[in-house]
Amino acid sequence: MNIFFLLFSTVLFSSLAQIFMKAAAMHSVTYGLLGVFNIWFIAAMVCMAIVFLCWQMALGQKPIAFLYPFLSLVYVVVPVLSVYLFQETISVKYVIGIFCIIGGICITSLSVPSSKDSNPENSIC
């Protein structure tokens, strides 16, 4: 499977899992074991299962040093979604931090060989 599809899926479903967990907390009347019957909680667990499968397939294709920084995109996607879905606010400092995360991903993808043959031409940026 295409590595970029796997990375995109991992970030997307990991972000959705966090959003669904927030929704579960907002709509749950009880916590503890009874909270697992909340549809939002179940959706979050399904997303995490998909994340696990996509991440495992990605790990089989590329070095972890190349893949791992892309998980940081969850720190970009979740706050942006929370602004639109939950009317949360993020500060200018937070937005600057988001750009730093994106810049860091570009820098690390350029500095780590993206495949086992150590071909740096396959970097994401």
C-alpha atoms as a PDB file:
ATOM      1  CA  MET A   1       0.000   0.000   0.000  1.00  0.00           C
ATOM      2  CA  ASN A   2       1.187   3.555  -0.681  1.00  0.00           C
ATOM      3  CA  ILE A   3       3.172   4.933   2.278  1.00  0.00           C
ATOM      4  CA  PHE A   4       1.630   8.393   1.996  1.00  0.00           C
ATOM      5  CA  PHE A   5      -1.873   6.915   2.069  1.00  0.00           C
ATOM      6  CA  LEU A   6      -0.914   4.979   5.209  1.00  0.00           C
ATOM      7  CA  LEU A   7       0.553   8.080   6.870  1.00  0.00           C
ATOM      8  CA  PHE A   8      -2.484  10.173   5.908  1.00  0.00           C
ATOM      9  CA  SER A   9      -4.830   7.477   7.248  1.00  0.00           C
ATOM     10  CA  THR A  10      -2.866   7.174  10.482  1.00  0.00           C
ATOM     11  CA  VAL A  11      -2.997  10.923  11.134  1.00  0.00           C
ATOM     12  CA  LEU A  12      -6.629  11.247  10.047  1.00  0.00           C
ATOM     13  CA  PHE A  13      -7.974   8.386  12.152  1.00  0.00           C
ATOM     14  CA  SER A  14      -5.823   9.284  15.144  1.00  0.00           C
ATOM     15  CA  SER A  15      -7.187  12.829  14.982  1.00  0.00           C
ATOM     16  CA  LEU A  16     -10.751  11.578  14.606  1.00  0.00           C
ATOM     17  CA  ALA A  17     -10.259   9.293  17.597  1.00  0.00           C
ATOM     18  CA  GLN A  18      -9.314  12.302  19.741  1.00  0.00           C
ATOM     19  CA  ILE A  19     -12.304  14.296  18.480  1.00  0.00           C
ATOM     20  CA  PHE A  20     -14.629  11.357  19.148  1.00  0.00           C
ATOM     21  CA  MET A  21     -13.210  10.983  22.667  1.00  0.00           C
ATOM     22  CA  LYS A  22     -13.987  14.650  23.321  1.00  0.00           C
ATOM     23  CA  ALA A  23     -17.524  14.126  22.004  1.00  0.00           C
ATOM     24  CA  ALA A  24     -17.869  11.028  24.193  1.00  0.00           C
ATOM     25  CA  ALA A  25     -16.847  13.025  27.247  1.00  0.00           C
ATOM     26  CA  MET A  26     -19.320  15.772  26.383  1.00  0.00           C
ATOM     27  CA  HIS A  27     -22.244  13.386  25.781  1.00  0.00           C
ATOM     28  CA  SER A  28     -21.579  10.793  28.436  1.00  0.00           C
ATOM     29  CA  VAL A  29     -23.957  10.666  31.372  1.00  0.00           C
ATOM     30  CA  THR A  30     -21.751   8.225  33.221  1.00  0.00           C
ATOM     31  CA  TYR A  31     -18.092   7.459  33.316  1.00  0.00           C
ATOM     32  CA  GLY A  32     -16.269   4.250  33.985  1.00  0.00           C
ATOM     33  CA  LEU A  33     -17.332   0.974  32.435  1.00  0.00           C
ATOM     34  CA  LEU A  34     -20.773   2.220  31.422  1.00  0.00           C
ATOM     35  CA  GLY A  35     -19.109   4.915  29.301  1.00  0.00           C
ATOM     36  CA  VAL A  36     -18.035   2.295  26.751  1.00  0.00           C
ATOM     37  CA  PHE A  37     -21.607   2.121  25.479  1.00  0.00           C
ATOM     38  CA  ASN A  38     -21.395   5.707  24.276  1.00  0.00           C
ATOM     39  CA  ILE A  39     -21.449   5.738  20.451  1.00  0.00           C
ATOM     40  CA  TRP A  40     -18.704   8.377  20.357  1.00  0.00           C
ATOM     41  CA  PHE A  41     -16.462   6.210  22.522  1.00  0.00           C
ATOM     42  CA  ILE A  42     -17.071   3.205  20.273  1.00  0.00           C
ATOM     43  CA  ALA A  43     -16.261   5.324  17.198  1.00  0.00           C
ATOM     44  CA  ALA A  44     -13.003   6.430  18.846  1.00  0.00           C
ATOM     45  CA  MET A  45     -12.015   2.818  19.528  1.00  0.00           C
ATOM     46  CA  VAL A  46     -12.760   1.833  15.913  1.00  0.00           C
ATOM     47  CA  CYS A  47     -10.561   4.711  14.730  1.00  0.00           C
ATOM     48  CA  MET A  48      -7.751   3.590  17.021  1.00  0.00           C
ATOM     49  CA  ALA A  49      -7.974   0.065  15.596  1.00  0.00           C
ATOM     50  CA  ILE A  50      -7.636   1.504  12.086  1.00  0.00           C
ATOM     51  CA  VAL A  51      -4.655   3.589  13.262  1.00  0.00           C
ATOM     52  CA  PHE A  52      -3.007   0.462  14.626  1.00  0.00           C
ATOM     53  CA  LEU A  53      -3.397  -1.389  11.322  1.00  0.00           C
ATOM     54  CA  CYS A  54      -2.213   1.509   9.143  1.00  0.00           C
ATOM     55  CA  TRP A  55       0.761   2.207  11.421  1.00  0.00           C
ATOM     56  CA  GLN A  56       1.810  -1.445  11.374  1.00  0.00           C
ATOM     57  CA  MET A  57       1.716  -1.507   7.571  1.00  0.00           C
ATOM     58  CA  ALA A  58       3.679   1.758   7.381  1.00  0.00           C
ATOM     59  CA  LEU A  59       6.323   0.424   9.778  1.00  0.00           C
ATOM     60  CA  GLY A  60       6.828  -2.508   7.460  1.00  0.00           C
ATOM     61  CA  GLN A  61       7.676  -0.185   4.566  1.00  0.00           C
ATOM     62  CA  LYS A  62       9.817   2.642   5.963  1.00  0.00           C
ATOM     63  CA  PRO A  63      12.211   3.298   8.857  1.00  0.00           C
ATOM     64  CA  ILE A  64      10.543   4.519  12.036  1.00  0.00           C
ATOM     65  CA  ALA A  65      12.875   7.541  12.088  1.00  0.00           C
ATOM     66  CA  PHE A  66      11.219   8.699   8.862  1.00  0.00           C
ATOM     67  CA  LEU A  67       7.645   7.859   9.858  1.00  0.00           C
ATOM     68  CA  TYR A  68       7.461   8.992  13.476  1.00  0.00           C
ATOM     69  CA  PRO A  69       7.627  12.775  12.946  1.00  0.00           C
ATOM     70  CA  PHE A  70       4.473  12.623  10.821  1.00  0.00           C
ATOM     71  CA  LEU A  71       2.475  11.555  13.868  1.00  0.00           C
ATOM     72  CA  SER A  72       3.033  15.127  15.080  1.00  0.00           C
ATOM     73  CA  LEU A  73       0.502  16.260  12.498  1.00  0.00           C
ATOM     74  CA  VAL A  74      -2.153  15.068  14.940  1.00  0.00           C
ATOM     75  CA  TYR A  75      -1.122  18.088  17.075  1.00  0.00           C
ATOM     76  CA  VAL A  76      -2.054  20.261  14.094  1.00  0.00           C
ATOM     77  CA  VAL A  77      -5.272  18.574  12.976  1.00  0.00           C
ATOM     78  CA  VAL A  78      -6.969  18.098  16.370  1.00  0.00           C
ATOM     79  CA  PRO A  79      -6.837  21.756  17.476  1.00  0.00           C
ATOM     80  CA  VAL A  80      -8.032  22.953  14.067  1.00  0.00           C
ATOM     81  CA  LEU A  81     -10.961  20.523  14.180  1.00  0.00           C
ATOM     82  CA  SER A  82     -11.741  21.502  17.782  1.00  0.00           C
ATOM     83  CA  VAL A  83     -12.104  25.135  16.728  1.00  0.00           C
ATOM     84  CA  TYR A  84     -14.705  24.227  14.108  1.00  0.00           C
ATOM     85  CA  LEU A  85     -16.493  21.401  15.914  1.00  0.00           C
ATOM     86  CA  PHE A  86     -16.412  22.502  19.560  1.00  0.00           C
ATOM     87  CA  GLN A  87     -15.965  26.267  19.175  1.00  0.00           C
ATOM     88  CA  GLU A  88     -12.733  26.105  21.159  1.00  0.00           C
ATOM     89  CA  THR A  89     -10.169  28.849  20.743  1.00  0.00           C
ATOM     90  CA  ILE A  90      -6.466  28.676  20.033  1.00  0.00           C
ATOM     91  CA  SER A  91      -4.033  31.502  20.601  1.00  0.00           C
ATOM     92  CA  VAL A  92      -1.621  33.116  18.181  1.00  0.00           C
ATOM     93  CA  LYS A  93       1.216  31.404  20.064  1.00  0.00           C
ATOM     94  CA  TYR A  94      -0.475  28.078  19.419  1.00  0.00           C
ATOM     95  CA  VAL A  95      -0.763  28.830  15.704  1.00  0.00           C
ATOM     96  CA  ILE A  96       2.945  29.702  15.646  1.00  0.00           C
ATOM     97  CA  GLY A  97       3.610  26.379  17.348  1.00  0.00           C
ATOM     98  CA  ILE A  98       1.596  24.596  14.664  1.00  0.00           C
ATOM     99  CA  PHE A  99       3.799  26.154  11.984  1.00  0.00           C
ATOM    100  CA  CYS A 100       6.873  25.087  13.953  1.00  0.00           C
ATOM    101  CA  ILE A 101       5.579  21.515  14.011  1.00  0.00           C
ATOM    102  CA  ILE A 102       5.024  21.549  10.253  1.00  0.00           C
ATOM    103  CA  GLY A 103       8.497  23.023   9.719  1.00  0.00           C
ATOM    104  CA  GLY A 104      10.024  20.397  11.984  1.00  0.00           C
ATOM    105  CA  ILE A 105       8.371  17.618  10.016  1.00  0.00           C
ATOM    106  CA  CYS A 106       9.808  19.028   6.787  1.00  0.00           C
ATOM    107  CA  ILE A 107      13.280  19.311   8.303  1.00  0.00           C
ATOM    108  CA  THR A 108      13.254  15.798   9.740  1.00  0.00           C
ATOM    109  CA  SER A 109      11.904  14.265   6.550  1.00  0.00           C
ATOM    110  CA  LEU A 110      14.814  15.824   4.665  1.00  0.00           C
ATOM    111  CA  SER A 111      17.390  14.595   7.144  1.00  0.00           C
ATOM    112  CA  VAL A 112      16.292  10.955   7.506  1.00  0.00           C
ATOM    113  CA  PRO A 113      16.517   8.521   4.604  1.00  0.00           C
ATOM    114  CA  SER A 114      12.967   7.588   3.677  1.00  0.00           C
ATOM    115  CA  SER A 115      13.724   4.058   2.601  1.00  0.00           C
ATOM    116  CA  LYS A 116      16.038   1.234   3.481  1.00  0.00           C
ATOM    117  CA  ASP A 117      18.220   2.033   0.472  1.00  0.00           C
ATOM    118  CA  SER A 118      19.074   5.428   2.078  1.00  0.00           C
ATOM    119  CA  ASN A 119      17.808   7.472  -0.883  1.00  0.00           C
ATOM    120  CA  PRO A 120      17.201  11.003   0.475  1.00  0.00           C
ATOM    121  CA  GLU A 121      15.387  12.001  -2.738  1.00  0.00           C
ATOM    122  CA  ASN A 122      12.236  10.336  -1.416  1.00  0.00           C
ATOM    123  CA  SER A 123      11.671  12.889   1.366  1.00  0.00           C
ATOM    124  CA  ILE A 124       8.239  14.457   1.783  1.00  0.00           C
ATOM    125  CA  CYS A 125       9.337  18.114   1.500  1.00  0.00           C
END
